[in-house]
Amino acid sequence: MAAEMQQSGMDSEDMRGLLYSMVSAFTKAIDERTPYNASHTMQVANYVKGILAFIRTKYEANGQNPLFSQDEEGQIVMAAYLHDVGKLVVPLDVMNKANRLGRGGIERIHDRYLLLKTCLDIEQLKGRLDEDACQRQKDVLDQLEARIIEADRKPVLTQEEIAYFEGIGTRSFCKEDGTVIAWLTPAELRNLKIKRGTLNVEERRTMEYHAVATQKILKEIHFGKYYDKVTEIAAAHHEFLDGSGYPAGLSGSQIPIGTRLLTIADIYDSLIATDRPYKKPMSMADARENLLEMAREGKLDHKLTGLFCEYLQTI
């Protein structure tokens, strides 16, 4: 590809310009695909550029050799712009899942409970259910619906709340014709057992696949020698030093230093983001402390985390 461009009169600066224009297009496609990720990629790239400049200045002022060469800085920035390109293949119903039950989930349950109450009234009219028993079941349904509404957008559910849904949510009503109406469907119950966030196990697995997809997509791009590490840096941005990350469970020296810096910036922006419907944004101070705690736990690079937190004090 490079040879063909040179033959057509395109020099290295033209090729870099073309590459950056393609990266810019990818970035816009990623961030505009969902309202809940509207500026994440650009923000992460800006943090990466900022921390790299901060480190360079700090090391020069102290008479130290630079931590990153100019070429390495370029690779890390490019990786920051492309780190979430794999989200282009994640289904929007997962990307945009703002609550545990998903779009229209509460409304479907409400309509079903209206139907159940009507069935209970019919049972009472036909003499198969006395008035007190009918009302008690309606009250339980009302209580269940109220707790479902509360849990649907709650950041974290307690084990007691989950146990409540597991117990009462398995109840059902059998109509005279044999039709069974579940108080909660298996899918609804599975979602109401999500302890933290809005994604169930299957949906989280789908979301996490974006790291694999990022690698697959970027492998198809000929970056040339100046950006030959971009794919490696970008694809590992959810890996942790203690091996608890994904998708490959890399640890320690298996994770490039550029990736370690990108991971810190990515986490920080996610923590303070104001456009995530499933959680409240952290303050900058709390987010910094969260990063430092992750470094103490051995998940993040301690040195780079400290430098990043220093940098945040300057902006």
Protein backbone atom coordinates (compact mmCIF):
# COMPACT_ATOMS: atom_id res chain seq x y z
CA MET A 1 0.00 0.00 0.00
CA ALA A 2 2.83 2.42 0.92
CA ALA A 3 4.67 1.62 -2.33
CA GLU A 4 1.54 2.24 -4.38
CA MET A 5 1.03 5.60 -2.69
CA GLN A 6 4.63 6.62 -3.31
CA GLN A 7 4.29 5.67 -6.99
CA SER A 8 1.20 7.86 -7.21
CA GLY A 9 3.14 10.82 -5.81
CA MET A 10 1.87 10.61 -2.21
CA ASP A 11 4.70 11.32 0.26
CA SER A 12 4.98 10.21 3.89
CA GLU A 13 3.25 13.36 5.18
CA ASP A 14 0.35 12.76 2.80
CA MET A 15 0.10 9.17 4.02
CA ARG A 16 0.09 10.28 7.65
CA GLY A 17 -2.58 12.84 6.83
CA LEU A 18 -4.69 10.16 5.16
CA LEU A 19 -4.22 7.83 8.12
CA TYR A 20 -5.23 10.50 10.62
CA SER A 21 -8.29 11.42 8.56
CA MET A 22 -9.35 7.75 8.63
CA VAL A 23 -8.76 7.65 12.37
CA SER A 24 -10.83 10.80 12.81
CA ALA A 25 -13.68 9.19 10.86
CA PHE A 26 -13.49 6.08 13.04
CA THR A 27 -13.53 8.24 16.18
CA LYS A 28 -16.68 10.09 15.11
CA ALA A 29 -18.38 6.82 14.15
CA ILE A 30 -17.61 5.32 17.56
CA ASP A 31 -18.68 8.31 19.65
CA GLU A 32 -21.82 9.15 17.67
CA ARG A 33 -23.14 5.61 17.66
CA THR A 34 -24.66 5.97 21.11
CA PRO A 35 -25.74 8.97 23.21
CA TYR A 36 -24.08 7.36 26.22
CA ASN A 37 -20.59 7.45 24.74
CA ALA A 38 -20.84 10.81 23.04
CA SER A 39 -17.31 12.12 23.60
CA HIS A 40 -15.51 9.29 25.38
CA THR A 41 -13.00 8.45 22.65
CA MET A 42 -12.02 12.07 22.08
CA GLN A 43 -11.78 12.71 25.81
CA VAL A 44 -9.51 9.70 26.35
CA ALA A 45 -7.28 10.79 23.47
CA ASN A 46 -7.06 14.30 24.95
CA TYR A 47 -6.10 12.90 28.37
CA VAL A 48 -3.44 10.74 26.74
CA LYS A 49 -1.99 13.68 24.82
CA GLY A 50 -2.04 15.78 27.97
CA ILE A 51 -0.34 13.25 30.22
CA LEU A 52 2.33 12.52 27.59
CA ALA A 53 3.14 16.23 27.33
CA PHE A 54 3.17 16.51 31.13
CA ILE A 55 5.55 13.56 31.51
CA ARG A 56 7.85 14.89 28.78
CA THR A 57 8.05 18.33 30.40
CA LYS A 58 8.51 16.92 33.89
CA TYR A 59 11.35 14.61 32.84
CA GLU A 60 13.08 17.32 30.82
CA ALA A 61 12.90 19.73 33.77
CA ASN A 62 14.51 17.11 36.00
CA GLY A 63 17.23 16.36 33.46
CA GLN A 64 15.95 12.80 33.00
CA ASN A 65 15.76 10.80 29.82
CA PRO A 66 12.24 10.88 28.36
CA LEU A 67 9.94 8.07 29.44
CA PHE A 68 8.54 7.85 25.90
CA SER A 69 10.18 8.65 22.58
CA GLN A 70 8.40 10.89 20.10
CA ASP A 71 7.50 7.86 17.98
CA GLU A 72 6.13 6.02 21.04
CA GLU A 73 4.01 9.04 21.96
CA GLY A 74 2.55 9.06 18.44
CA GLN A 75 1.69 5.38 18.69
CA ILE A 76 -0.02 5.78 22.07
CA VAL A 77 -2.10 8.73 20.88
CA MET A 78 -3.14 6.84 17.75
CA ALA A 79 -4.12 3.85 19.90
CA ALA A 80 -6.17 6.14 22.16
CA TYR A 81 -8.20 7.34 19.18
CA LEU A 82 -8.82 3.74 18.08
CA HIS A 83 -9.09 1.84 21.37
CA ASP A 84 -12.88 1.47 21.19
CA VAL A 85 -13.27 0.88 17.45
CA GLY A 86 -14.55 -2.62 18.29
CA LYS A 87 -17.71 -1.03 19.73
CA LEU A 88 -18.86 -0.59 16.15
CA VAL A 89 -19.89 -4.27 16.18
CA VAL A 90 -21.58 -4.29 19.61
CA PRO A 91 -25.40 -4.40 19.26
CA LEU A 92 -27.06 -1.10 20.16
CA ASP A 93 -29.49 -2.77 22.56
CA VAL A 94 -26.44 -3.66 24.66
CA MET A 95 -24.53 -0.40 24.07
CA ASN A 96 -27.58 1.69 24.98
CA LYS A 97 -28.93 -0.41 27.85
CA ALA A 98 -29.58 2.30 30.39
CA ASN A 99 -31.42 0.17 32.95
CA ARG A 100 -31.55 -3.46 34.07
CA LEU A 101 -34.76 -4.40 32.27
CA GLY A 102 -33.90 -2.59 29.06
CA ARG A 103 -36.06 -0.36 26.92
CA GLY A 104 -39.76 -0.87 27.58
CA GLY A 105 -39.15 -3.46 30.30
CA ILE A 106 -41.04 -1.62 33.05
CA GLU A 107 -43.97 -0.91 30.73
CA ARG A 108 -44.29 -4.58 29.75
CA ILE A 109 -44.35 -5.63 33.41
CA HIS A 110 -46.93 -2.97 34.26
CA ASP A 111 -49.25 -4.14 31.48
CA ARG A 112 -48.85 -7.77 32.55
CA TYR A 113 -49.70 -6.91 36.17
CA LEU A 114 -52.85 -5.10 35.04
CA LEU A 115 -53.80 -8.31 33.23
CA LEU A 116 -53.01 -10.39 36.32
CA LYS A 117 -55.20 -8.16 38.49
CA THR A 118 -58.04 -8.55 36.00
CA CYS A 119 -57.59 -12.34 36.14
CA LEU A 120 -57.73 -12.19 39.93
CA ASP A 121 -60.97 -10.18 39.77
CA ILE A 122 -62.47 -12.79 37.44
CA GLU A 123 -61.45 -15.54 39.86
CA GLN A 124 -63.20 -13.66 42.66
CA LEU A 125 -66.37 -13.10 40.61
CA LYS A 126 -66.50 -16.81 39.80
CA GLY A 127 -66.20 -17.66 43.48
CA ARG A 128 -62.82 -19.36 43.21
CA LEU A 129 -61.06 -16.68 45.24
CA ASP A 130 -62.43 -14.74 48.23
CA GLU A 131 -62.19 -10.95 48.37
CA ASP A 132 -59.44 -10.78 51.01
CA ALA A 133 -57.22 -13.29 49.19
CA CYS A 134 -57.76 -11.42 45.93
CA GLN A 135 -56.74 -8.11 47.49
CA ARG A 136 -53.71 -9.63 49.20
CA GLN A 137 -52.38 -10.89 45.86
CA LYS A 138 -53.01 -7.50 44.27
CA ASP A 139 -51.12 -5.82 47.11
CA VAL A 140 -48.19 -8.18 46.62
CA LEU A 141 -48.18 -7.40 42.90
CA ASP A 142 -48.20 -3.67 43.65
CA GLN A 143 -45.31 -4.08 46.07
CA LEU A 144 -43.38 -6.18 43.57
CA GLU A 145 -43.90 -3.62 40.80
CA ALA A 146 -42.78 -0.76 43.05
CA ARG A 147 -39.61 -2.63 44.00
CA ILE A 148 -38.91 -3.51 40.38
CA ILE A 149 -39.20 0.16 39.37
CA GLU A 150 -36.80 1.13 42.15
CA ALA A 151 -34.31 -1.63 41.30
CA ASP A 152 -34.41 -1.04 37.56
CA ARG A 153 -32.07 1.97 37.67
CA LYS A 154 -30.42 1.47 41.05
CA PRO A 155 -26.59 1.44 40.74
CA VAL A 156 -26.14 -1.50 43.14
CA LEU A 157 -28.58 -4.08 44.48
CA THR A 158 -28.14 -5.71 47.86
CA GLN A 159 -28.20 -9.48 48.24
CA GLU A 160 -31.47 -9.12 50.16
CA GLU A 161 -33.09 -7.33 47.21
CA ILE A 162 -31.90 -10.00 44.80
CA ALA A 163 -33.18 -12.74 47.13
CA TYR A 164 -36.60 -11.03 47.21
CA PHE A 165 -36.88 -11.13 43.42
CA GLU A 166 -35.66 -14.73 43.33
CA GLY A 167 -38.35 -15.75 45.81
CA ILE A 168 -41.44 -13.88 44.76
CA GLY A 169 -40.48 -13.51 41.10
CA THR A 170 -40.92 -17.21 40.36
CA ARG A 171 -44.68 -17.05 41.08
CA SER A 172 -47.19 -17.34 38.25
CA PHE A 173 -50.93 -17.44 37.55
CA CYS A 174 -52.62 -20.19 35.59
CA LYS A 175 -55.69 -19.11 33.65
CA GLU A 176 -58.74 -21.30 33.20
CA ASP A 177 -57.61 -22.28 29.69
CA GLY A 178 -54.24 -23.43 31.02
CA THR A 179 -52.29 -20.34 29.95
CA VAL A 180 -49.60 -19.50 32.50
CA ILE A 181 -48.76 -15.86 33.20
CA ALA A 182 -45.42 -15.46 34.96
CA TRP A 183 -45.02 -12.70 37.51
CA LEU A 184 -41.51 -12.36 36.13
CA THR A 185 -40.16 -14.00 32.98
CA PRO A 186 -36.82 -15.84 33.22
CA ALA A 187 -35.16 -12.98 31.31
CA GLU A 188 -36.62 -10.35 33.64
CA LEU A 189 -35.57 -12.28 36.70
CA ARG A 190 -32.06 -12.70 35.29
CA ASN A 191 -31.79 -8.95 34.81
CA LEU A 192 -33.16 -8.16 38.27
CA LYS A 193 -30.39 -10.32 39.72
CA ILE A 194 -27.70 -8.02 38.28
CA LYS A 195 -25.88 -6.76 41.34
CA ARG A 196 -24.08 -3.81 39.77
CA GLY A 197 -24.75 -1.91 36.55
CA THR A 198 -27.27 -2.81 33.87
CA LEU A 199 -25.76 -5.70 31.90
CA ASN A 200 -26.37 -9.37 32.65
CA VAL A 201 -23.68 -11.99 32.15
CA GLU A 202 -24.44 -12.58 28.47
CA GLU A 203 -24.68 -8.86 27.69
CA ARG A 204 -21.45 -8.12 29.54
CA ARG A 205 -19.71 -10.84 27.54
CA THR A 206 -21.03 -9.21 24.35
CA MET A 207 -19.81 -5.79 25.47
CA GLU A 208 -16.39 -7.12 26.45
CA TYR A 209 -16.04 -8.62 22.98
CA HIS A 210 -15.36 -5.10 21.71
CA ALA A 211 -11.73 -5.50 22.83
CA VAL A 212 -11.37 -8.60 20.62
CA ALA A 213 -13.17 -6.83 17.77
CA THR A 214 -10.82 -3.85 18.13
CA GLN A 215 -7.86 -6.14 17.57
CA LYS A 216 -9.49 -7.86 14.58
CA ILE A 217 -10.42 -4.57 12.92
CA LEU A 218 -7.06 -2.88 13.49
CA LYS A 219 -5.16 -5.91 12.21
CA GLU A 220 -6.73 -5.23 8.81
CA ILE A 221 -5.18 -1.75 8.67
CA HIS A 222 -1.66 -1.30 7.35
CA PHE A 223 -0.26 1.25 9.80
CA GLY A 224 3.32 1.20 8.55
CA LYS A 225 6.47 1.18 10.65
CA TYR A 226 5.65 4.41 12.52
CA TYR A 227 2.49 2.94 14.00
CA ASP A 228 3.26 -0.77 14.10
CA LYS A 229 2.39 -1.07 17.83
CA VAL A 230 -1.00 0.66 17.65
CA THR A 231 -3.02 -2.55 17.43
CA GLU A 232 -1.19 -4.13 20.36
CA ILE A 233 -1.58 -1.04 22.53
CA ALA A 234 -5.25 -0.43 21.72
CA ALA A 235 -6.51 -4.03 21.94
CA ALA A 236 -5.20 -4.54 25.50
CA HIS A 237 -6.73 -1.45 27.13
CA HIS A 238 -8.95 -3.56 29.42
CA GLU A 239 -6.11 -5.74 30.70
CA PHE A 240 -4.86 -5.30 34.28
CA LEU A 241 -1.37 -5.90 35.63
CA ASP A 242 -2.66 -8.54 38.07
CA GLY A 243 -4.17 -10.60 35.23
CA SER A 244 -7.80 -9.86 36.16
CA GLY A 245 -8.62 -7.93 32.98
CA TYR A 246 -9.89 -9.05 29.58
CA PRO A 247 -9.93 -10.36 26.89
CA ALA A 248 -6.67 -12.32 27.21
CA GLY A 249 -5.97 -12.05 30.95
CA LEU A 250 -2.55 -10.52 30.30
CA SER A 251 -0.42 -9.53 33.28
CA GLY A 252 2.77 -7.69 34.21
CA SER A 253 5.27 -7.25 31.39
CA GLN A 254 2.82 -8.73 28.88
CA ILE A 255 1.02 -5.38 28.91
CA PRO A 256 2.84 -2.63 26.94
CA ILE A 257 3.65 0.56 28.84
CA GLY A 258 1.62 2.55 26.31
CA THR A 259 -1.41 0.39 27.07
CA ARG A 260 -0.95 0.95 30.79
CA LEU A 261 -1.18 4.69 30.25
CA LEU A 262 -4.18 4.35 27.93
CA THR A 263 -5.98 2.14 30.46
CA ILE A 264 -5.60 4.75 33.20
CA ALA A 265 -7.00 7.50 30.96
CA ASP A 266 -9.86 5.26 29.83
CA ILE A 267 -10.87 4.36 33.38
CA TYR A 268 -10.65 7.94 34.58
CA ASP A 269 -12.92 9.27 31.84
CA SER A 270 -15.43 6.49 32.50
CA LEU A 271 -15.48 7.33 36.21
CA ILE A 272 -16.18 11.05 35.78
CA ALA A 273 -18.45 10.72 32.72
CA THR A 274 -21.76 12.55 33.11
CA ASP A 275 -23.52 10.80 30.21
CA ARG A 276 -23.74 7.30 31.66
CA PRO A 277 -27.38 6.63 32.65
CA TYR A 278 -26.52 3.60 34.79
CA LYS A 279 -24.28 5.44 37.25
CA LYS A 280 -23.62 8.84 38.76
CA PRO A 281 -20.38 10.56 37.81
CA MET A 282 -17.57 10.58 40.36
CA SER A 283 -15.92 13.81 41.39
CA MET A 284 -12.41 14.33 40.06
CA ALA A 285 -11.01 13.81 43.56
CA ASP A 286 -12.88 10.54 44.06
CA ALA A 287 -11.88 9.33 40.61
CA ARG A 288 -8.21 10.05 41.35
CA GLU A 289 -8.47 8.12 44.60
CA ASN A 290 -10.13 5.25 42.76
CA LEU A 291 -7.21 5.10 40.33
CA LEU A 292 -4.68 5.17 43.17
CA GLU A 293 -6.56 2.37 44.95
CA MET A 294 -6.49 0.26 41.78
CA ALA A 295 -2.74 0.89 41.59
CA ARG A 296 -2.33 -0.21 45.22
CA GLU A 297 -4.28 -3.36 44.38
CA GLY A 298 -1.80 -4.11 41.60
CA LYS A 299 -4.22 -3.55 38.73
CA LEU A 300 -2.71 -0.33 37.36
CA ASP A 301 0.88 0.79 36.89
CA HIS A 302 1.75 2.57 40.15
CA LYS A 303 4.26 4.99 38.62
CA LEU A 304 2.08 5.99 35.68
CA THR A 305 -0.99 6.34 37.91
CA GLY A 306 0.90 8.71 40.18
CA LEU A 307 2.04 10.77 37.19
CA PHE A 308 -1.50 10.84 35.78
CA CYS A 309 -2.89 12.09 39.08
CA GLU A 310 -0.19 14.78 39.17
CA TYR A 311 -1.19 15.79 35.66
CA LEU A 312 -4.86 16.04 36.64
CA GLN A 313 -3.93 18.65 39.26
CA THR A 314 -2.68 20.88 36.45
CA ILE A 315 -5.84 20.93 34.31
